[in-house]
PDB file of N, CA and C in Angstrom:
ATOM      1  N   MET A   1     -22.819  89.183-150.265  1.00  0.00           N
ATOM      2  CA  MET A   1     -21.317  88.475-149.138  1.00  0.00           C
ATOM      3  C   MET A   1     -21.883  89.264-147.708  1.00  0.00           C
ATOM      4  N   ASP A   2     -21.748  88.432-147.261  1.00  0.00           N
ATOM      5  CA  ASP A   2     -21.977  89.188-145.883  1.00  0.00           C
ATOM      6  C   ASP A   2     -21.386  88.659-144.762  1.00  0.00           C
ATOM      7  N   ASP A   3     -19.949  88.087-145.173  1.00  0.00           N
ATOM      8  CA  ASP A   3     -18.971  87.129-144.310  1.00  0.00           C
ATOM      9  C   ASP A   3     -17.652  88.064-144.506  1.00  0.00           C
ATOM     10  N   ILE A   4     -16.855  88.599-143.420  1.00  0.00           N
ATOM     11  CA  ILE A   4     -15.516  89.027-143.943  1.00  0.00           C
ATOM     12  C   ILE A   4     -14.809  88.348-144.565  1.00  0.00           C
ATOM     13  N   GLU A   5     -14.580  87.180-144.017  1.00  0.00           N
ATOM     14  CA  GLU A   5     -13.102  86.352-145.005  1.00  0.00           C
ATOM     15  C   GLU A   5     -14.082  86.246-146.194  1.00  0.00           C
ATOM     16  N   GLU A   6     -15.677  85.957-146.396  1.00  0.00           N
ATOM     17  CA  GLU A   6     -15.483  85.560-147.839  1.00  0.00           C
ATOM     18  C   GLU A   6     -14.937  87.068-148.495  1.00  0.00           C
ATOM     19  N   VAL A   7     -15.513  87.922-148.477  1.00  0.00           N
ATOM     20  CA  VAL A   7     -14.655  89.734-149.011  1.00  0.00           C
ATOM     21  C   VAL A   7     -13.393  89.294-148.885  1.00  0.00           C
ATOM     22  N   TYR A   8     -12.550  89.105-148.159  1.00  0.00           N
ATOM     23  CA  TYR A   8     -10.846  89.041-148.029  1.00  0.00           C
ATOM     24  C   TYR A   8     -10.608  88.097-149.053  1.00  0.00           C
ATOM     25  N   PHE A   9     -11.255  86.761-149.334  1.00  0.00           N
ATOM     26  CA  PHE A   9     -10.958  86.000-150.213  1.00  0.00           C
ATOM     27  C   PHE A   9     -11.610  86.715-151.516  1.00  0.00           C
ATOM     28  N   ILE A  10     -12.720  87.117-152.168  1.00  0.00           N
ATOM     29  CA  ILE A  10     -12.584  87.924-152.943  1.00  0.00           C
ATOM     30  C   ILE A  10     -11.566  88.936-153.521  1.00  0.00           C
ATOM     31  N   ILE A  11     -11.282  89.681-152.322  1.00  0.00           N
ATOM     32  CA  ILE A  11     -10.293  90.618-152.880  1.00  0.00           C
ATOM     33  C   ILE A  11      -8.697  90.268-153.242  1.00  0.00           C
ATOM     34  N   ARG A  12      -8.105  88.651-152.833  1.00  0.00           N
ATOM     35  CA  ARG A  12      -7.286  88.032-152.869  1.00  0.00           C
ATOM     36  C   ARG A  12      -7.396  87.772-154.109  1.00  0.00           C
ATOM     37  N   LEU A  13      -8.327  86.991-154.520  1.00  0.00           N
ATOM     38  CA  LEU A  13      -8.726  86.012-155.828  1.00  0.00           C
ATOM     39  C   LEU A  13      -8.738  86.906-156.648  1.00  0.00           C
ATOM     40  N   CYS A  14      -9.378  88.156-156.666  1.00  0.00           N
ATOM     41  CA  CYS A  14      -9.428  89.617-158.098  1.00  0.00           C
ATOM     42  C   CYS A  14      -8.640  90.268-157.600  1.00  0.00           C
ATOM     43  N   PRO A  15      -7.655  90.760-157.708  1.00  0.00           N
ATOM     44  CA  PRO A  15      -6.657  91.492-157.063  1.00  0.00           C
ATOM     45  C   PRO A  15      -6.476  92.783-157.921  1.00  0.00           C
ATOM     46  N   ARG A  16      -7.117  92.601-159.032  1.00  0.00           N
ATOM     47  CA  ARG A  16      -7.278  93.897-159.975  1.00  0.00           C
ATOM     48  C   ARG A  16      -8.965  94.402-160.218  1.00  0.00           C
ATOM     49  N   MET A  17      -9.474  94.262-158.971  1.00  0.00           N
ATOM     50  CA  MET A  17     -11.113  94.385-159.108  1.00  0.00           C
ATOM     51  C   MET A  17     -10.708  96.082-158.223  1.00  0.00           C
ATOM     52  N   THR A  18     -11.843  97.150-159.003  1.00  0.00           N
ATOM     53  CA  THR A  18     -11.606  98.351-158.656  1.00  0.00           C
ATOM     54  C   THR A  18     -13.202  98.668-157.748  1.00  0.00           C
ATOM     55  N   TYR A  19     -13.973  97.794-158.188  1.00  0.00           N
ATOM     56  CA  TYR A  19     -15.564  98.229-157.358  1.00  0.00           C
ATOM     57  C   TYR A  19     -15.502  96.782-156.743  1.00  0.00           C
ATOM     58  N   LEU A  20     -16.493  97.304-155.605  1.00  0.00           N
ATOM     59  CA  LEU A  20     -16.905  95.854-154.837  1.00  0.00           C
ATOM     60  C   LEU A  20     -18.557  96.302-154.173  1.00  0.00           C
ATOM     61  N   LYS A  21     -19.317  95.571-154.449  1.00  0.00           N
ATOM     62  CA  LYS A  21     -20.605  95.726-153.759  1.00  0.00           C
ATOM     63  C   LYS A  21     -20.881  94.666-152.428  1.00  0.00           C
ATOM     64  N   ILE A  22     -21.043  95.208-151.319  1.00  0.00           N
ATOM     65  CA  ILE A  22     -21.533  94.133-150.344  1.00  0.00           C
ATOM     66  C   ILE A  22     -22.967  94.167-149.764  1.00  0.00           C
ATOM     67  N   ASN A  23     -23.490  93.146-149.591  1.00  0.00           N
ATOM     68  CA  ASN A  23     -25.051  92.983-149.312  1.00  0.00           C
ATOM     69  C   ASN A  23     -24.786  92.860-147.254  1.00  0.00           C
ATOM     70  N   LEU A  24     -25.155  94.018-146.457  1.00  0.00           N
ATOM     71  CA  LEU A  24     -24.716  93.248-145.326  1.00  0.00           C
ATOM     72  C   LEU A  24     -26.149  93.122-144.611  1.00  0.00           C
ATOM     73  N   ILE A  25     -26.052  92.253-143.794  1.00  0.00           N
ATOM     74  CA  ILE A  25     -27.366  91.827-143.034  1.00  0.00           C
ATOM     75  C   ILE A  25     -27.918  93.233-141.825  1.00  0.00           C
ATOM     76  N   ASP A  26     -28.987  92.919-141.175  1.00  0.00           N
ATOM     77  CA  ASP A  26     -29.269  94.037-140.286  1.00  0.00           C
ATOM     78  C   ASP A  26     -28.139  94.035-139.032  1.00  0.00           C
ATOM     79  N   ASN A  27     -27.944  92.909-138.655  1.00  0.00           N
ATOM     80  CA  ASN A  27     -27.750  92.673-137.117  1.00  0.00           C
ATOM     81  C   ASN A  27     -26.244  92.419-137.447  1.00  0.00           C
ATOM     82  N   VAL A  28     -25.285  93.004-138.468  1.00  0.00           N
ATOM     83  CA  VAL A  28     -23.816  93.229-138.789  1.00  0.00           C
ATOM     84  C   VAL A  28     -23.344  94.643-138.004  1.00  0.00           C
ATOM     85  N   ASP A  29     -22.114  94.387-137.359  1.00  0.00           N
ATOM     86  CA  ASP A  29     -21.751  95.796-136.875  1.00  0.00           C
ATOM     87  C   ASP A  29     -20.571  96.370-138.048  1.00  0.00           C
ATOM     88  N   TYR A  30     -21.603  97.448-138.447  1.00  0.00           N
ATOM     89  CA  TYR A  30     -21.085  98.000-139.981  1.00  0.00           C
ATOM     90  C   TYR A  30     -20.397  98.794-139.586  1.00  0.00           C
ATOM     91  N   GLU A  31     -19.856  99.193-138.689  1.00  0.00           N
ATOM     92  CA  GLU A  31     -18.616 100.351-138.162  1.00  0.00           C
ATOM     93  C   GLU A  31     -17.341  99.189-138.048  1.00  0.00           C
ATOM     94  N   MET A  32     -17.588  98.235-137.279  1.00  0.00           N
ATOM     95  CA  MET A  32     -16.513  97.254-137.175  1.00  0.00           C
ATOM     96  C   MET A  32     -16.203  96.669-138.511  1.00  0.00           C
ATOM     97  N   PHE A  33     -17.319  96.464-139.427  1.00  0.00           N
ATOM     98  CA  PHE A  33     -17.215  95.342-141.043  1.00  0.00           C
ATOM     99  C   PHE A  33     -16.417  96.496-141.589  1.00  0.00           C
ATOM    100  N   LEU A  34     -16.988  97.509-141.515  1.00  0.00           N
ATOM    101  CA  LEU A  34     -15.724  98.749-142.539  1.00  0.00           C
ATOM    102  C   LEU A  34     -14.258  98.999-142.339  1.00  0.00           C
ATOM    103  N   LYS A  35     -14.488  99.374-141.156  1.00  0.00           N
ATOM    104  CA  LYS A  35     -13.001  99.251-140.142  1.00  0.00           C
ATOM    105  C   LYS A  35     -12.052  98.335-140.818  1.00  0.00           C
ATOM    106  N   ASN A  36     -12.576  97.022-140.462  1.00  0.00           N
ATOM    107  CA  ASN A  36     -11.828  95.874-140.874  1.00  0.00           C
ATOM    108  C   ASN A  36     -11.628  95.564-142.127  1.00  0.00           C
ATOM    109  N   LEU A  37     -12.328  95.849-142.875  1.00  0.00           N
ATOM    110  CA  LEU A  37     -12.324  95.837-144.304  1.00  0.00           C
ATOM    111  C   LEU A  37     -10.989  96.921-144.896  1.00  0.00           C
ATOM    112  N   LEU A  38     -11.381  97.938-144.193  1.00  0.00           N
ATOM    113  CA  LEU A  38     -10.452  98.780-145.392  1.00  0.00           C
ATOM    114  C   LEU A  38      -9.180  98.872-144.458  1.00  0.00           C
ATOM    115  N   MET A  39      -8.932  98.711-143.292  1.00  0.00           N
ATOM    116  CA  MET A  39      -7.716  98.029-142.879  1.00  0.00           C
ATOM    117  C   MET A  39      -6.980  97.277-143.685  1.00  0.00           C
ATOM    118  N   LYS A  40      -7.829  96.011-143.882  1.00  0.00           N
ATOM    119  CA  LYS A  40      -7.527  94.702-144.747  1.00  0.00           C
ATOM    120  C   LYS A  40      -6.805  95.487-145.880  1.00  0.00           C
ATOM    121  N   ILE A  41      -7.696  96.245-146.908  1.00  0.00           N
ATOM    122  CA  ILE A  41      -7.514  96.819-147.950  1.00  0.00           C
ATOM    123  C   ILE A  41      -5.959  97.508-147.905  1.00  0.00           C
ATOM    124  N   ASN A  42      -6.026  98.406-147.210  1.00  0.00           N
ATOM    125  CA  ASN A  42      -4.561  99.428-146.746  1.00  0.00           C
ATOM    126  C   ASN A  42      -3.448  98.212-146.729  1.00  0.00           C
ATOM    127  N   ASN A  43      -3.741  97.207-145.787  1.00  0.00           N
ATOM    128  CA  ASN A  43      -2.342  96.450-145.299  1.00  0.00           C
ATOM    129  C   ASN A  43      -2.159  95.484-146.189  1.00  0.00           C
ATOM    130  N   ASP A  44      -3.068  95.569-147.474  1.00  0.00           N
ATOM    131  CA  ASP A  44      -2.254  93.974-148.085  1.00  0.00           C
ATOM    132  C   ASP A  44      -2.109  95.040-149.575  1.00  0.00           C
ATOM    133  N   CYS A  45      -1.908  96.280-149.789  1.00  0.00           N
ATOM    134  CA  CYS A  45      -1.504  97.130-150.906  1.00  0.00           C
ATOM    135  C   CYS A  45      -2.595  96.909-152.032  1.00  0.00           C
ATOM    136  N   SER A  46      -3.804  96.786-152.151  1.00  0.00           N
ATOM    137  CA  SER A  46      -4.758  96.293-153.011  1.00  0.00           C
ATOM    138  C   SER A  46      -5.073  97.949-153.638  1.00  0.00           C
ATOM    139  N   GLN A  47      -3.928  98.238-154.810  1.00  0.00           N
ATOM    140  CA  GLN A  47      -4.010  99.638-155.058  1.00  0.00           C
ATOM    141  C   GLN A  47      -5.107  99.733-155.970  1.00  0.00           C
ATOM    142  N   TYR A  48      -5.820  98.627-156.779  1.00  0.00           N
ATOM    143  CA  TYR A  48      -6.383  98.912-157.902  1.00  0.00           C
ATOM    144  C   TYR A  48      -8.279  98.816-157.510  1.00  0.00           C
ATOM    145  N   LEU A  49      -8.678  98.682-155.983  1.00  0.00           N
ATOM    146  CA  LEU A  49      -9.642  98.868-155.711  1.00  0.00           C
ATOM    147  C   LEU A  49      -9.989 100.170-154.636  1.00  0.00           C
ATOM    148  N   ARG A  50     -10.964 100.979-155.681  1.00  0.00           N
ATOM    149  CA  ARG A  50     -11.150 102.096-154.990  1.00  0.00           C
ATOM    150  C   ARG A  50     -12.460 102.430-154.590  1.00  0.00           C
ATOM    151  N   SER A  51     -13.248 101.285-154.786  1.00  0.00           N
ATOM    152  CA  SER A  51     -14.935 101.628-154.040  1.00  0.00           C
ATOM    153  C   SER A  51     -15.703 100.972-153.878  1.00  0.00           C
ATOM    154  N   LEU A  52     -16.145 100.952-152.860  1.00  0.00           N
ATOM    155  CA  LEU A  52     -16.993 100.061-152.019  1.00  0.00           C
ATOM    156  C   LEU A  52     -18.809 100.724-152.111  1.00  0.00           C
ATOM    157  N   CYS A  53     -19.442  99.620-152.002  1.00  0.00           N
ATOM    158  CA  CYS A  53     -21.283  99.896-152.161  1.00  0.00           C
ATOM    159  C   CYS A  53     -21.535  98.921-150.887  1.00  0.00           C
ATOM    160  N   LEU A  54     -21.854  99.719-149.886  1.00  0.00           N
ATOM    161  CA  LEU A  54     -22.240  98.783-148.902  1.00  0.00           C
ATOM    162  C   LEU A  54     -24.065  98.277-149.087  1.00  0.00           C
ATOM    163  N   TYR A  55     -24.465  97.760-149.683  1.00  0.00           N
ATOM    164  CA  TYR A  55     -25.895  97.541-149.550  1.00  0.00           C
ATOM    165  C   TYR A  55     -26.705  97.393-147.786  1.00  0.00           C
ATOM    166  N   ILE A  56     -27.086  97.938-147.060  1.00  0.00           N
ATOM    167  CA  ILE A  56     -27.585  97.598-145.643  1.00  0.00           C
ATOM    168  C   ILE A  56     -29.099  98.564-145.725  1.00  0.00           C
ATOM    169  N   PRO A  57     -30.224  97.855-145.743  1.00  0.00           N
ATOM    170  CA  PRO A  57     -31.454  97.868-146.016  1.00  0.00           C
ATOM    171  C   PRO A  57     -31.613  99.072-144.757  1.00  0.00           C
ATOM    172  N   THR A  58     -31.362  99.063-143.838  1.00  0.00           N
ATOM    173  CA  THR A  58     -31.733 100.374-142.775  1.00  0.00           C
ATOM    174  C   THR A  58     -30.890 101.594-143.219  1.00  0.00           C
ATOM    175  N   ALA A  59     -30.064 101.671-143.934  1.00  0.00           N
ATOM    176  CA  ALA A  59     -29.024 102.701-144.304  1.00  0.00           C
ATOM    177  C   ALA A  59     -29.493 103.812-143.548  1.00  0.00           C
ATOM    178  N   ASN A  60     -29.141 104.805-143.175  1.00  0.00           N
ATOM    179  CA  ASN A  60     -29.836 106.337-143.006  1.00  0.00           C
ATOM    180  C   ASN A  60     -28.362 107.318-142.986  1.00  0.00           C
ATOM    181  N   ASN A  61     -28.754 108.595-142.831  1.00  0.00           N
ATOM    182  CA  ASN A  61     -28.167 109.546-142.898  1.00  0.00           C
ATOM    183  C   ASN A  61     -26.737 109.081-141.440  1.00  0.00           C
ATOM    184  N   ASP A  62     -27.461 109.081-140.510  1.00  0.00           N
ATOM    185  CA  ASP A  62     -26.453 108.969-138.974  1.00  0.00           C
ATOM    186  C   ASP A  62     -25.548 108.174-139.201  1.00  0.00           C
ATOM    187  N   MET A  63     -25.782 107.162-140.064  1.00  0.00           N
ATOM    188  CA  MET A  63     -24.930 105.800-140.445  1.00  0.00           C
ATOM    189  C   MET A  63     -23.926 106.517-141.458  1.00  0.00           C
ATOM    190  N   ILE A  64     -23.995 107.275-142.344  1.00  0.00           N
ATOM    191  CA  ILE A  64     -23.305 107.962-142.722  1.00  0.00           C
ATOM    192  C   ILE A  64     -22.167 108.740-142.082  1.00  0.00           C
ATOM    193  N   ASN A  65     -22.812 109.635-141.530  1.00  0.00           N
ATOM    194  CA  ASN A  65     -21.837 110.467-140.142  1.00  0.00           C
ATOM    195  C   ASN A  65     -21.010 109.349-139.129  1.00  0.00           C
ATOM    196  N   LYS A  66     -21.895 108.959-138.885  1.00  0.00           N
ATOM    197  CA  LYS A  66     -20.416 107.813-138.158  1.00  0.00           C
ATOM    198  C   LYS A  66     -19.775 107.252-138.986  1.00  0.00           C
ATOM    199  N   LEU A  67     -20.017 106.260-140.192  1.00  0.00           N
ATOM    200  CA  LEU A  67     -18.771 105.967-140.908  1.00  0.00           C
ATOM    201  C   LEU A  67     -17.581 107.177-141.296  1.00  0.00           C
ATOM    202  N   GLN A  68     -18.330 108.296-141.967  1.00  0.00           N
ATOM    203  CA  GLN A  68     -17.084 109.448-141.890  1.00  0.00           C
ATOM    204  C   GLN A  68     -16.136 109.266-140.895  1.00  0.00           C
ATOM    205  N   ASP A  69     -16.994 109.933-139.468  1.00  0.00           N
ATOM    206  CA  ASP A  69     -16.450 110.280-138.504  1.00  0.00           C
ATOM    207  C   ASP A  69     -15.514 109.133-137.982  1.00  0.00           C
ATOM    208  N   MET A  70     -15.438 108.077-137.913  1.00  0.00           N
ATOM    209  CA  MET A  70     -14.410 106.628-138.002  1.00  0.00           C
ATOM    210  C   MET A  70     -13.535 106.405-138.815  1.00  0.00           C
ATOM    211  N   ILE A  71     -13.587 106.848-139.752  1.00  0.00           N
ATOM    212  CA  ILE A  71     -12.754 106.666-140.822  1.00  0.00           C
ATOM    213  C   ILE A  71     -11.723 107.998-140.901  1.00  0.00           C
ATOM    214  N   ASN A  72     -11.705 109.448-140.640  1.00  0.00           N
ATOM    215  CA  ASN A  72     -11.538 110.146-140.140  1.00  0.00           C
ATOM    216  C   ASN A  72     -10.581 109.990-139.028  1.00  0.00           C
ATOM    217  N   ARG A  73     -11.278 109.417-137.519  1.00  0.00           N
ATOM    218  CA  ARG A  73     -10.516 108.895-136.720  1.00  0.00           C
ATOM    219  C   ARG A  73      -9.735 107.903-136.391  1.00  0.00           C
ATOM    220  N   GLU A  74      -9.857 106.953-137.340  1.00  0.00           N
ATOM    221  CA  GLU A  74      -8.755 105.961-137.298  1.00  0.00           C
ATOM    222  C   GLU A  74      -7.979 106.301-138.551  1.00  0.00           C
ATOM    223  N   LYS A  75      -7.783 107.541-139.006  1.00  0.00           N
ATOM    224  CA  LYS A  75      -7.198 107.544-140.553  1.00  0.00           C
ATOM    225  C   LYS A  75      -6.832 106.567-141.231  1.00  0.00           C
ATOM    226  N   LEU A  76      -8.187 105.863-141.793  1.00  0.00           N
ATOM    227  CA  LEU A  76      -8.195 104.748-142.740  1.00  0.00           C
ATOM    228  C   LEU A  76      -8.027 105.110-144.268  1.00  0.00           C
ATOM    229  N   LEU A  77      -8.724 106.058-144.353  1.00  0.00           N
ATOM    230  CA  LEU A  77      -8.447 106.827-145.503  1.00  0.00           C
ATOM    231  C   LEU A  77      -8.197 108.267-145.674  1.00  0.00           C
ATOM    232  N   HIS A  78      -7.722 109.038-146.875  1.00  0.00           N
ATOM    233  CA  HIS A  78      -7.407 110.411-146.468  1.00  0.00           C
ATOM    234  C   HIS A  78      -8.251 111.042-147.620  1.00  0.00           C
ATOM    235  N   TYR A  79      -8.682 110.644-148.689  1.00  0.00           N
ATOM    236  CA  TYR A  79      -9.328 111.592-150.029  1.00  0.00           C
ATOM    237  C   TYR A  79     -10.238 110.541-149.949  1.00  0.00           C
ATOM    238  N   PHE A  80     -11.626 110.646-149.709  1.00  0.00           N
ATOM    239  CA  PHE A  80     -12.193 109.815-149.901  1.00  0.00           C
ATOM    240  C   PHE A  80     -14.124 110.703-150.108  1.00  0.00           C
ATOM    241  N   THR A  81     -15.052 110.131-150.323  1.00  0.00           N
ATOM    242  CA  THR A  81     -16.304 110.816-150.607  1.00  0.00           C
ATOM    243  C   THR A  81     -17.324 109.278-150.534  1.00  0.00           C
ATOM    244  N   ILE A  82     -18.055 109.550-149.334  1.00  0.00           N
ATOM    245  CA  ILE A  82     -19.074 108.857-148.584  1.00  0.00           C
ATOM    246  C   ILE A  82     -20.751 109.620-148.964  1.00  0.00           C
ATOM    247  N   LYS A  83     -21.564 108.485-149.530  1.00  0.00           N
ATOM    248  CA  LYS A  83     -23.041 109.354-149.620  1.00  0.00           C
ATOM    249  C   LYS A  83     -23.856 108.138-150.016  1.00  0.00           C
ATOM    250  N   LEU A  84     -25.322 108.359-149.190  1.00  0.00           N
ATOM    251  CA  LEU A  84     -26.237 108.017-149.071  1.00  0.00           C
ATOM    252  C   LEU A  84     -27.382 107.763-150.271  1.00  0.00           C
ATOM    253  N   GLU A  85     -27.392 106.724-151.240  1.00  0.00           N
ATOM    254  CA  GLU A  85     -28.709 106.885-152.597  1.00  0.00           C
ATOM    255  C   GLU A  85     -29.191 105.621-151.990  1.00  0.00           C
ATOM    256  N   PHE A  86     -30.439 105.677-151.642  1.00  0.00           N
ATOM    257  CA  PHE A  86     -31.497 104.648-151.039  1.00  0.00           C
ATOM    258  C   PHE A  86     -30.927 104.141-150.038  1.00  0.00           C
ATOM    259  N   ASP A  87     -30.999 102.805-150.307  1.00  0.00           N
ATOM    260  CA  ASP A  87     -30.196 101.753-149.104  1.00  0.00           C
ATOM    261  C   ASP A  87     -28.949 101.317-148.868  1.00  0.00           C
ATOM    262  N   ASN A  88     -28.334 101.938-150.479  1.00  0.00           N
ATOM    263  CA  ASN A  88     -26.489 102.208-150.680  1.00  0.00           C
ATOM    264  C   ASN A  88     -26.015 102.875-150.105  1.00  0.00           C
ATOM    265  N   ILE A  89     -24.711 102.654-149.324  1.00  0.00           N
ATOM    266  CA  ILE A  89     -23.847 103.578-149.176  1.00  0.00           C
ATOM    267  C   ILE A  89     -22.801 103.361-149.716  1.00  0.00           C
ATOM    268  N   TYR A  90     -22.344 104.493-150.710  1.00  0.00           N
ATOM    269  CA  TYR A  90     -21.112 104.380-151.659  1.00  0.00           C
ATOM    270  C   TYR A  90     -19.845 104.977-151.014  1.00  0.00           C
ATOM    271  N   LEU A  91     -18.808 104.496-151.172  1.00  0.00           N
ATOM    272  CA  LEU A  91     -17.420 104.775-150.590  1.00  0.00           C
ATOM    273  C   LEU A  91     -16.756 104.777-151.709  1.00  0.00           C
ATOM    274  N   GLN A  92     -15.781 105.873-152.655  1.00  0.00           N
ATOM    275  CA  GLN A  92     -14.826 105.974-153.051  1.00  0.00           C
ATOM    276  C   GLN A  92     -13.686 106.940-152.256  1.00  0.00           C
ATOM    277  N   TRP A  93     -12.763 106.409-152.679  1.00  0.00           N
ATOM    278  CA  TRP A  93     -11.146 106.909-152.340  1.00  0.00           C
ATOM    279  C   TRP A  93     -10.234 106.919-153.698  1.00  0.00           C
ATOM    280  N   LYS A  94      -9.368 107.859-153.104  1.00  0.00           N
ATOM    281  CA  LYS A  94      -8.071 108.027-154.279  1.00  0.00           C
ATOM    282  C   LYS A  94      -6.745 107.086-153.537  1.00  0.00           C
TER     283      LYS A  94
END
């Protein structure tokens, strides 16, 4: 999945989903994508979804730092971990 509307549809279709993996193409603004997605999850009270995996072929530690700063700055999540494993960014929260 690489379109935010498709992701919203899947979240609505599967409200008890706890984990979601999303493949992002290189030209997607990953910060804005994640910000919009987390805002949607928070606003829709998706109480079960607590883990995301973003597959980004160009993922690196700078991206992790930018995402962590953005999440903290926008106060999107309070208790979360974010880590990079190969081309996957894993985000978990309570």
